[in-house]
Amino acid sequence: NMTAYGALFLGENTCVSYGDKVIGTNHVLPTR
């Protein structure tokens, strides 16, 4: 249902901090 986002974090077991630091996807993402 979504088409515009830098990165999706699905469910309460996941958080943005994982993406920022440790999970493996890249944290350099589009803003504005």
Full PDB file with SEQRES, HELIX, SHEET, SSBOND, CRYST1, ORIGX, SCALE, CONECT and MASTER records, all heavy atoms in Angstrom:
SEQRES   1 A   32  ASN MET THR ALA TYR GLY ALA LEU PHE LEU GLY GLU ASN          
SEQRES   2 A   32  THR CYS VAL SER TYR GLY ASP LYS VAL ILE GLY THR ASN          
SEQRES   3 A   32  HIS VAL LEU PRO THR ARG                                      
HELIX    1 AA1 VAL A   16  LYS A   21  1                                   6    
CRYST1    1.000    1.000    1.000  90.00  90.00  90.00 P 1           1          
ORIGX1      1.000000  0.000000  0.000000        0.00000                         
ORIGX2      0.000000  1.000000  0.000000        0.00000                         
ORIGX3      0.000000  0.000000  1.000000        0.00000                         
SCALE1      1.000000  0.000000  0.000000        0.00000                         
SCALE2      0.000000  1.000000  0.000000        0.00000                         
SCALE3      0.000000  0.000000  1.000000        0.00000                         
ATOM      1  N   ASN A   1       0.783  -1.235   0.000  1.00  0.00           N  
ATOM      2  CA  ASN A   1       0.000   0.000   0.000  1.00  0.00           C  
ATOM      3  C   ASN A   1       0.816   1.286   0.000  1.00  0.00           C  
ATOM      4  O   ASN A   1       0.258   2.358  -0.224  1.00  0.00           O  
ATOM      5  CB  ASN A   1      -0.923   0.022   1.218  1.00  0.00           C  
ATOM      6  CG  ASN A   1      -2.072  -0.957   1.102  1.00  0.00           C  
ATOM      7  OD1 ASN A   1      -3.065  -0.683   0.445  1.00  0.00           O  
ATOM      8  ND2 ASN A   1      -1.920  -2.123   1.727  1.00  0.00           N  
ATOM      9  N   MET A   2       2.120   1.200   0.253  1.00  0.00           N  
ATOM     10  CA  MET A   2       2.954   2.401   0.280  1.00  0.00           C  
ATOM     11  C   MET A   2       3.960   2.401  -0.872  1.00  0.00           C  
ATOM     12  O   MET A   2       4.442   1.348  -1.295  1.00  0.00           O  
ATOM     13  CB  MET A   2       3.695   2.528   1.609  1.00  0.00           C  
ATOM     14  CG  MET A   2       2.810   2.916   2.773  1.00  0.00           C  
ATOM     15  SD  MET A   2       3.799   3.371   4.223  1.00  0.00           S  
ATOM     16  CE  MET A   2       4.662   4.828   3.595  1.00  0.00           C  
ATOM     17  N   THR A   3       4.266   3.593  -1.362  1.00  0.00           N  
ATOM     18  CA  THR A   3       5.190   3.711  -2.489  1.00  0.00           C  
ATOM     19  C   THR A   3       6.282   4.743  -2.260  1.00  0.00           C  
ATOM     20  O   THR A   3       7.213   4.839  -3.071  1.00  0.00           O  
ATOM     21  CB  THR A   3       4.438   4.112  -3.768  1.00  0.00           C  
ATOM     22  OG1 THR A   3       3.817   5.399  -3.576  1.00  0.00           O  
ATOM     23  CG2 THR A   3       3.366   3.098  -4.125  1.00  0.00           C  
ATOM     24  N   ALA A   4       6.207   5.540  -1.199  1.00  0.00           N  
ATOM     25  CA  ALA A   4       7.168   6.633  -1.019  1.00  0.00           C  
ATOM     26  C   ALA A   4       7.748   6.601   0.390  1.00  0.00           C  
ATOM     27  O   ALA A   4       7.109   7.037   1.346  1.00  0.00           O  
ATOM     28  CB  ALA A   4       6.493   7.984  -1.290  1.00  0.00           C  
ATOM     29  N   TYR A   5       8.968   6.079   0.502  1.00  0.00           N  
ATOM     30  CA  TYR A   5       9.652   6.008   1.793  1.00  0.00           C  
ATOM     31  C   TYR A   5      11.119   5.702   1.518  1.00  0.00           C  
ATOM     32  O   TYR A   5      11.482   5.117   0.494  1.00  0.00           O  
ATOM     33  CB  TYR A   5       9.055   4.916   2.688  1.00  0.00           C  
ATOM     34  CG  TYR A   5       8.889   3.574   2.010  1.00  0.00           C  
ATOM     35  CD1 TYR A   5       9.954   2.669   1.953  1.00  0.00           C  
ATOM     36  CD2 TYR A   5       7.684   3.221   1.409  1.00  0.00           C  
ATOM     37  CE1 TYR A   5       9.803   1.455   1.308  1.00  0.00           C  
ATOM     38  CE2 TYR A   5       7.530   2.003   0.769  1.00  0.00           C  
ATOM     39  CZ  TYR A   5       8.592   1.129   0.718  1.00  0.00           C  
ATOM     40  OH  TYR A   5       8.450  -0.081   0.079  1.00  0.00           O  
ATOM     41  N   GLY A   6      11.969   6.107   2.464  1.00  0.00           N  
ATOM     42  CA  GLY A   6      13.376   5.763   2.337  1.00  0.00           C  
ATOM     43  C   GLY A   6      13.618   4.317   2.715  1.00  0.00           C  
ATOM     44  O   GLY A   6      14.285   3.570   2.005  1.00  0.00           O  
ATOM     45  N   ALA A   7      13.057   3.897   3.857  1.00  0.00           N  
ATOM     46  CA  ALA A   7      13.156   2.511   4.300  1.00  0.00           C  
ATOM     47  C   ALA A   7      11.969   2.194   5.188  1.00  0.00           C  
ATOM     48  O   ALA A   7      11.518   3.035   5.969  1.00  0.00           O  
ATOM     49  CB  ALA A   7      14.461   2.267   5.063  1.00  0.00           C  
ATOM     50  N   LEU A   8      11.466   0.967   5.064  1.00  0.00           N  
ATOM     51  CA  LEU A   8      10.358   0.494   5.893  1.00  0.00           C  
ATOM     52  C   LEU A   8      10.885  -0.415   7.001  1.00  0.00           C  
ATOM     53  O   LEU A   8      11.794  -1.220   6.772  1.00  0.00           O  
ATOM     54  CB  LEU A   8       9.362  -0.314   5.054  1.00  0.00           C  
ATOM     55  CG  LEU A   8       8.312   0.421   4.244  1.00  0.00           C  
ATOM     56  CD1 LEU A   8       7.441  -0.600   3.511  1.00  0.00           C  
ATOM     57  CD2 LEU A   8       7.443   1.311   5.112  1.00  0.00           C  
ATOM     58  N   PHE A   9      10.278  -0.296   8.179  1.00  0.00           N  
ATOM     59  CA  PHE A   9      10.613  -1.137   9.330  1.00  0.00           C  
ATOM     60  C   PHE A   9       9.304  -1.765   9.795  1.00  0.00           C  
ATOM     61  O   PHE A   9       8.432  -1.083  10.334  1.00  0.00           O  
ATOM     62  CB  PHE A   9      11.267  -0.298  10.422  1.00  0.00           C  
ATOM     63  CG  PHE A   9      12.537   0.369   9.947  1.00  0.00           C  
ATOM     64  CD1 PHE A   9      12.492   1.561   9.236  1.00  0.00           C  
ATOM     65  CD2 PHE A   9      13.766  -0.220  10.180  1.00  0.00           C  
ATOM     66  CE1 PHE A   9      13.651   2.161   8.763  1.00  0.00           C  
ATOM     67  CE2 PHE A   9      14.935   0.373   9.719  1.00  0.00           C  
ATOM     68  CZ  PHE A   9      14.878   1.566   9.007  1.00  0.00           C  
ATOM     69  N   LEU A  10       9.180  -3.061   9.564  1.00  0.00           N  
ATOM     70  CA  LEU A  10       7.891  -3.732   9.693  1.00  0.00           C  
ATOM     71  C   LEU A  10       7.746  -4.447  11.028  1.00  0.00           C  
ATOM     72  O   LEU A  10       8.508  -5.374  11.335  1.00  0.00           O  
ATOM     73  CB  LEU A  10       7.712  -4.734   8.551  1.00  0.00           C  
ATOM     74  CG  LEU A  10       7.830  -4.153   7.133  1.00  0.00           C  
ATOM     75  CD1 LEU A  10       7.756  -5.263   6.087  1.00  0.00           C  
ATOM     76  CD2 LEU A  10       6.745  -3.108   6.880  1.00  0.00           C  
ATOM     77  N   GLY A  11       6.780  -4.024  11.819  1.00  0.00           N  
ATOM     78  CA  GLY A  11       6.455  -4.695  13.061  1.00  0.00           C  
ATOM     79  C   GLY A  11       7.232  -4.191  14.256  1.00  0.00           C  
ATOM     80  O   GLY A  11       8.292  -3.570  14.127  1.00  0.00           O  
ATOM     81  N   GLU A  12       6.709  -4.475  15.438  1.00  0.00           N  
ATOM     82  CA  GLU A  12       7.295  -3.945  16.666  1.00  0.00           C  
ATOM     83  C   GLU A  12       8.586  -4.656  17.071  1.00  0.00           C  
ATOM     84  O   GLU A  12       9.287  -4.197  17.977  1.00  0.00           O  
ATOM     85  CB  GLU A  12       6.266  -3.985  17.800  1.00  0.00           C  
ATOM     86  CG  GLU A  12       5.124  -3.011  17.569  1.00  0.00           C  
ATOM     87  CD  GLU A  12       4.196  -2.856  18.769  1.00  0.00           C  
ATOM     88  OE1 GLU A  12       4.421  -3.546  19.777  1.00  0.00           O  
ATOM     89  OE2 GLU A  12       3.259  -2.041  18.692  1.00  0.00           O  
ATOM     90  N   ASN A  13       8.928  -5.756  16.407  1.00  0.00           N  
ATOM     91  CA  ASN A  13      10.225  -6.381  16.654  1.00  0.00           C  
ATOM     92  C   ASN A  13      11.355  -5.660  15.912  1.00  0.00           C  
ATOM     93  O   ASN A  13      12.530  -5.975  16.117  1.00  0.00           O  
ATOM     94  CB  ASN A  13      10.212  -7.844  16.211  1.00  0.00           C  
ATOM     95  CG  ASN A  13       9.336  -8.707  17.095  1.00  0.00           C  
ATOM     96  OD1 ASN A  13       9.124  -8.393  18.259  1.00  0.00           O  
ATOM     97  ND2 ASN A  13       8.816  -9.793  16.542  1.00  0.00           N  
ATOM     98  N   THR A  14      10.991  -4.739  15.047  1.00  0.00           N  
ATOM     99  CA  THR A  14      11.948  -4.014  14.210  1.00  0.00           C  
ATOM    100  C   THR A  14      11.957  -2.555  14.638  1.00  0.00           C  
ATOM    101  O   THR A  14      10.947  -2.033  15.087  1.00  0.00           O  
ATOM    102  CB  THR A  14      11.530  -4.103  12.733  1.00  0.00           C  
ATOM    103  OG1 THR A  14      11.111  -5.435  12.433  1.00  0.00           O  
ATOM    104  CG2 THR A  14      12.664  -3.702  11.812  1.00  0.00           C  
ATOM    105  N   CYS A  15      13.088  -1.882  14.485  1.00  0.00           N  
ATOM    106  CA  CYS A  15      13.110  -0.449  14.789  1.00  0.00           C  
ATOM    107  C   CYS A  15      14.124   0.262  13.900  1.00  0.00           C  
ATOM    108  O   CYS A  15      15.040  -0.353  13.344  1.00  0.00           O  
ATOM    109  CB  CYS A  15      13.426  -0.198  16.269  1.00  0.00           C  
ATOM    110  SG  CYS A  15      15.063  -0.715  16.791  1.00  0.00           S  
ATOM    111  N   VAL A  16      13.950   1.574  13.777  1.00  0.00           N  
ATOM    112  CA  VAL A  16      14.830   2.377  12.941  1.00  0.00           C  
ATOM    113  C   VAL A  16      16.265   2.302  13.441  1.00  0.00           C  
ATOM    114  O   VAL A  16      17.221   2.293  12.653  1.00  0.00           O  
ATOM    115  CB  VAL A  16      14.347   3.841  12.889  1.00  0.00           C  
ATOM    116  CG1 VAL A  16      15.357   4.718  12.163  1.00  0.00           C  
ATOM    117  CG2 VAL A  16      12.990   3.929  12.198  1.00  0.00           C  
ATOM    118  N   SER A  17      16.453   2.227  14.748  1.00  0.00           N  
ATOM    119  CA  SER A  17      17.802   2.155  15.299  1.00  0.00           C  
ATOM    120  C   SER A  17      18.561   0.935  14.777  1.00  0.00           C  
ATOM    121  O   SER A  17      19.783   0.984  14.608  1.00  0.00           O  
ATOM    122  CB  SER A  17      17.746   2.113  16.825  1.00  0.00           C  
ATOM    123  OG  SER A  17      17.212   3.316  17.342  1.00  0.00           O  
ATOM    124  N   TYR A  18      17.852  -0.180  14.505  1.00  0.00           N  
ATOM    125  CA  TYR A  18      18.508  -1.329  13.894  1.00  0.00           C  
ATOM    126  C   TYR A  18      19.077  -0.940  12.531  1.00  0.00           C  
ATOM    127  O   TYR A  18      20.196  -1.306  12.179  1.00  0.00           O  
ATOM    128  CB  TYR A  18      17.524  -2.489  13.718  1.00  0.00           C  
ATOM    129  CG  TYR A  18      17.116  -3.207  14.979  1.00  0.00           C  
ATOM    130  CD1 TYR A  18      16.168  -4.218  14.936  1.00  0.00           C  
ATOM    131  CD2 TYR A  18      17.682  -2.900  16.209  1.00  0.00           C  
ATOM    132  CE1 TYR A  18      15.780  -4.904  16.079  1.00  0.00           C  
ATOM    133  CE2 TYR A  18      17.302  -3.568  17.362  1.00  0.00           C  
ATOM    134  CZ  TYR A  18      16.351  -4.563  17.293  1.00  0.00           C  
ATOM    135  OH  TYR A  18      15.980  -5.237  18.432  1.00  0.00           O  
ATOM    136  N   GLY A  19      18.251  -0.235  11.747  1.00  0.00           N  
ATOM    137  CA  GLY A  19      18.708   0.201  10.433  1.00  0.00           C  
ATOM    138  C   GLY A  19      19.839   1.206  10.517  1.00  0.00           C  
ATOM    139  O   GLY A  19      20.757   1.209   9.698  1.00  0.00           O  
ATOM    140  N   ASP A  20      19.780   2.069  11.522  1.00  0.00           N  
ATOM    141  CA  ASP A  20      20.843   3.061  11.715  1.00  0.00           C  
ATOM    142  C   ASP A  20      22.181   2.412  12.017  1.00  0.00           C  
ATOM    143  O   ASP A  20      23.235   2.938  11.631  1.00  0.00           O  
ATOM    144  CB  ASP A  20      20.488   3.996  12.878  1.00  0.00           C  
ATOM    145  CG  ASP A  20      19.475   5.051  12.502  1.00  0.00           C  
ATOM    146  OD1 ASP A  20      19.220   5.241  11.298  1.00  0.00           O  
ATOM    147  OD2 ASP A  20      18.940   5.706  13.422  1.00  0.00           O  
ATOM    148  N   LYS A  21      22.155   1.316  12.754  1.00  0.00           N  
ATOM    149  CA  LYS A  21      23.390   0.816  13.345  1.00  0.00           C  
ATOM    150  C   LYS A  21      23.815  -0.584  12.924  1.00  0.00           C  
ATOM    151  O   LYS A  21      24.985  -0.817  12.660  1.00  0.00           O  
ATOM    152  CB  LYS A  21      23.277   0.822  14.881  1.00  0.00           C  
ATOM    153  CG  LYS A  21      22.806   2.146  15.497  1.00  0.00           C  
ATOM    154  CD  LYS A  21      23.765   3.283  15.233  1.00  0.00           C  
ATOM    155  CE  LYS A  21      23.269   4.588  15.866  1.00  0.00           C  
ATOM    156  NZ  LYS A  21      24.124   5.726  15.469  1.00  0.00           N  
ATOM    157  N   VAL A  22      22.888  -1.563  12.916  1.00  0.00           N  
ATOM    158  CA  VAL A  22      23.365  -2.941  12.994  1.00  0.00           C  
ATOM    159  C   VAL A  22      22.773  -3.956  12.015  1.00  0.00           C  
ATOM    160  O   VAL A  22      23.394  -4.997  11.775  1.00  0.00           O  
ATOM    161  CB  VAL A  22      23.133  -3.491  14.427  1.00  0.00           C  
ATOM    162  CG1 VAL A  22      23.900  -2.680  15.451  1.00  0.00           C  
ATOM    163  CG2 VAL A  22      21.647  -3.534  14.797  1.00  0.00           C  
ATOM    164  N   ILE A  23      21.600  -3.716  11.461  1.00  0.00           N  
ATOM    165  CA  ILE A  23      20.887  -4.823  10.821  1.00  0.00           C  
ATOM    166  C   ILE A  23      21.434  -5.193   9.448  1.00  0.00           C  
ATOM    167  O   ILE A  23      21.308  -6.329   8.997  1.00  0.00           O  
ATOM    168  CB  ILE A  23      19.378  -4.521  10.759  1.00  0.00           C  
ATOM    169  CG1 ILE A  23      18.564  -5.811  10.678  1.00  0.00           C  
ATOM    170  CG2 ILE A  23      19.047  -3.585   9.588  1.00  0.00           C  
ATOM    171  CD1 ILE A  23      17.075  -5.625  10.890  1.00  0.00           C  
ATOM    172  N   GLY A  24      22.042  -4.201   8.747  1.00  0.00           N  
ATOM    173  CA  GLY A  24      22.666  -4.520   7.465  1.00  0.00           C  
ATOM    174  C   GLY A  24      22.197  -3.702   6.286  1.00  0.00           C  
ATOM    175  O   GLY A  24      22.902  -3.597   5.280  1.00  0.00           O  
ATOM    176  N   THR A  25      20.988  -3.140   6.353  1.00  0.00           N  
ATOM    177  CA  THR A  25      20.552  -2.227   5.299  1.00  0.00           C  
ATOM    178  C   THR A  25      21.225  -0.873   5.503  1.00  0.00           C  
ATOM    179  O   THR A  25      21.735  -0.570   6.576  1.00  0.00           O  
ATOM    180  CB  THR A  25      19.026  -2.057   5.326  1.00  0.00           C  
ATOM    181  OG1 THR A  25      18.616  -1.756   6.674  1.00  0.00           O  
ATOM    182  CG2 THR A  25      18.326  -3.317   4.853  1.00  0.00           C  
ATOM    183  N   ASN A  26      21.217  -0.047   4.471  1.00  0.00           N  
ATOM    184  CA  ASN A  26      21.981   1.195   4.521  1.00  0.00           C  
ATOM    185  C   ASN A  26      21.198   2.304   5.202  1.00  0.00           C  
ATOM    186  O   ASN A  26      19.991   2.452   4.970  1.00  0.00           O  
ATOM    187  CB  ASN A  26      22.376   1.635   3.108  1.00  0.00           C  
ATOM    188  CG  ASN A  26      23.643   2.444   3.110  1.00  0.00           C  
ATOM    189  OD1 ASN A  26      23.677   3.568   3.594  1.00  0.00           O  
ATOM    190  ND2 ASN A  26      24.706   1.876   2.571  1.00  0.00           N  
ATOM    191  N   HIS A  27      21.887   3.113   6.021  1.00  0.00           N  
ATOM    192  CA  HIS A  27      21.191   4.186   6.741  1.00  0.00           C  
ATOM    193  C   HIS A  27      21.307   5.547   6.057  1.00  0.00           C  
ATOM    194  O   HIS A  27      20.794   6.533   6.576  1.00  0.00           O  
ATOM    195  CB  HIS A  27      21.655   4.248   8.198  1.00  0.00           C  
ATOM    196  CG  HIS A  27      23.004   4.884   8.425  1.00  0.00           C  
ATOM    197  ND1 HIS A  27      23.656   4.793   9.634  1.00  0.00           N  
ATOM    198  CD2 HIS A  27      23.818   5.634   7.643  1.00  0.00           C  
ATOM    199  CE1 HIS A  27      24.805   5.453   9.579  1.00  0.00           C  
ATOM    200  NE2 HIS A  27      24.917   5.973   8.378  1.00  0.00           N  
ATOM    201  N   VAL A  28      21.962   5.600   4.911  1.00  0.00           N  
ATOM    202  CA  VAL A  28      22.012   6.862   4.152  1.00  0.00           C  
ATOM    203  C   VAL A  28      20.798   6.875   3.234  1.00  0.00           C  
ATOM    204  O   VAL A  28      20.765   6.178   2.214  1.00  0.00           O  
ATOM    205  CB  VAL A  28      23.315   6.987   3.349  1.00  0.00           C  
ATOM    206  CG1 VAL A  28      23.357   8.321   2.607  1.00  0.00           C  
ATOM    207  CG2 VAL A  28      24.522   6.850   4.273  1.00  0.00           C  
ATOM    208  N   LEU A  29      19.777   7.664   3.619  1.00  0.00           N  
ATOM    209  CA  LEU A  29      18.457   7.568   2.995  1.00  0.00           C  
ATOM    210  C   LEU A  29      17.931   8.947   2.589  1.00  0.00           C  
ATOM    211  O   LEU A  29      18.355   9.965   3.132  1.00  0.00           O  
ATOM    212  CB  LEU A  29      17.480   6.914   3.980  1.00  0.00           C  
ATOM    213  CG  LEU A  29      17.812   5.482   4.395  1.00  0.00           C  
ATOM    214  CD1 LEU A  29      16.982   5.069   5.606  1.00  0.00           C  
ATOM    215  CD2 LEU A  29      17.577   4.521   3.235  1.00  0.00           C  
ATOM    216  N   PRO A  30      16.974   8.982   1.653  1.00  0.00           N  
ATOM    217  CA  PRO A  30      16.435  10.264   1.195  1.00  0.00           C  
ATOM    218  C   PRO A  30      15.553  10.931   2.246  1.00  0.00           C  
ATOM    219  O   PRO A  30      14.800  10.265   2.966  1.00  0.00           O  
ATOM    220  CB  PRO A  30      15.613   9.885  -0.039  1.00  0.00           C  
ATOM    221  CG  PRO A  30      15.242   8.447   0.182  1.00  0.00           C  
ATOM    222  CD  PRO A  30      16.408   7.840   0.912  1.00  0.00           C  
ATOM    223  N   THR A  31      15.663  12.253   2.342  1.00  0.00           N  
ATOM    224  CA  THR A  31      14.855  13.054   3.254  1.00  0.00           C  
ATOM    225  C   THR A  31      14.139  14.134   2.452  1.00  0.00           C  
ATOM    226  O   THR A  31      14.290  14.244   1.239  1.00  0.00           O  
ATOM    227  CB  THR A  31      15.730  13.715   4.337  1.00  0.00           C  
ATOM    228  OG1 THR A  31      16.699  14.569   3.693  1.00  0.00           O  
ATOM    229  CG2 THR A  31      16.474  12.668   5.154  1.00  0.00           C  
ATOM    230  N   ARG A  32      13.327  14.941   3.149  1.00  0.00           N  
ATOM    231  CA  ARG A  32      12.626  16.072   2.526  1.00  0.00           C  
ATOM    232  C   ARG A  32      11.843  15.655   1.287  1.00  0.00           C  
ATOM    233  O   ARG A  32      11.874  16.288   0.256  1.00  0.00           O  
ATOM    234  CB  ARG A  32      13.624  17.191   2.193  1.00  0.00           C  
ATOM    235  CG  ARG A  32      14.240  17.820   3.441  1.00  0.00           C  
ATOM    236  CD  ARG A  32      15.288  18.850   3.100  1.00  0.00           C  
ATOM    237  NE  ARG A  32      15.744  19.534   4.320  1.00  0.00           N  
ATOM    238  CZ  ARG A  32      16.816  20.330   4.370  1.00  0.00           C  
ATOM    239  NH1 ARG A  32      17.548  20.528   3.290  1.00  0.00           N  
ATOM    240  NH2 ARG A  32      17.150  20.918   5.501  1.00  0.00           N  
TER     241      ARG A  32                                                      
MASTER        0    0    0    1    0    0    0    6  240    1    0    3          
END                                                                             
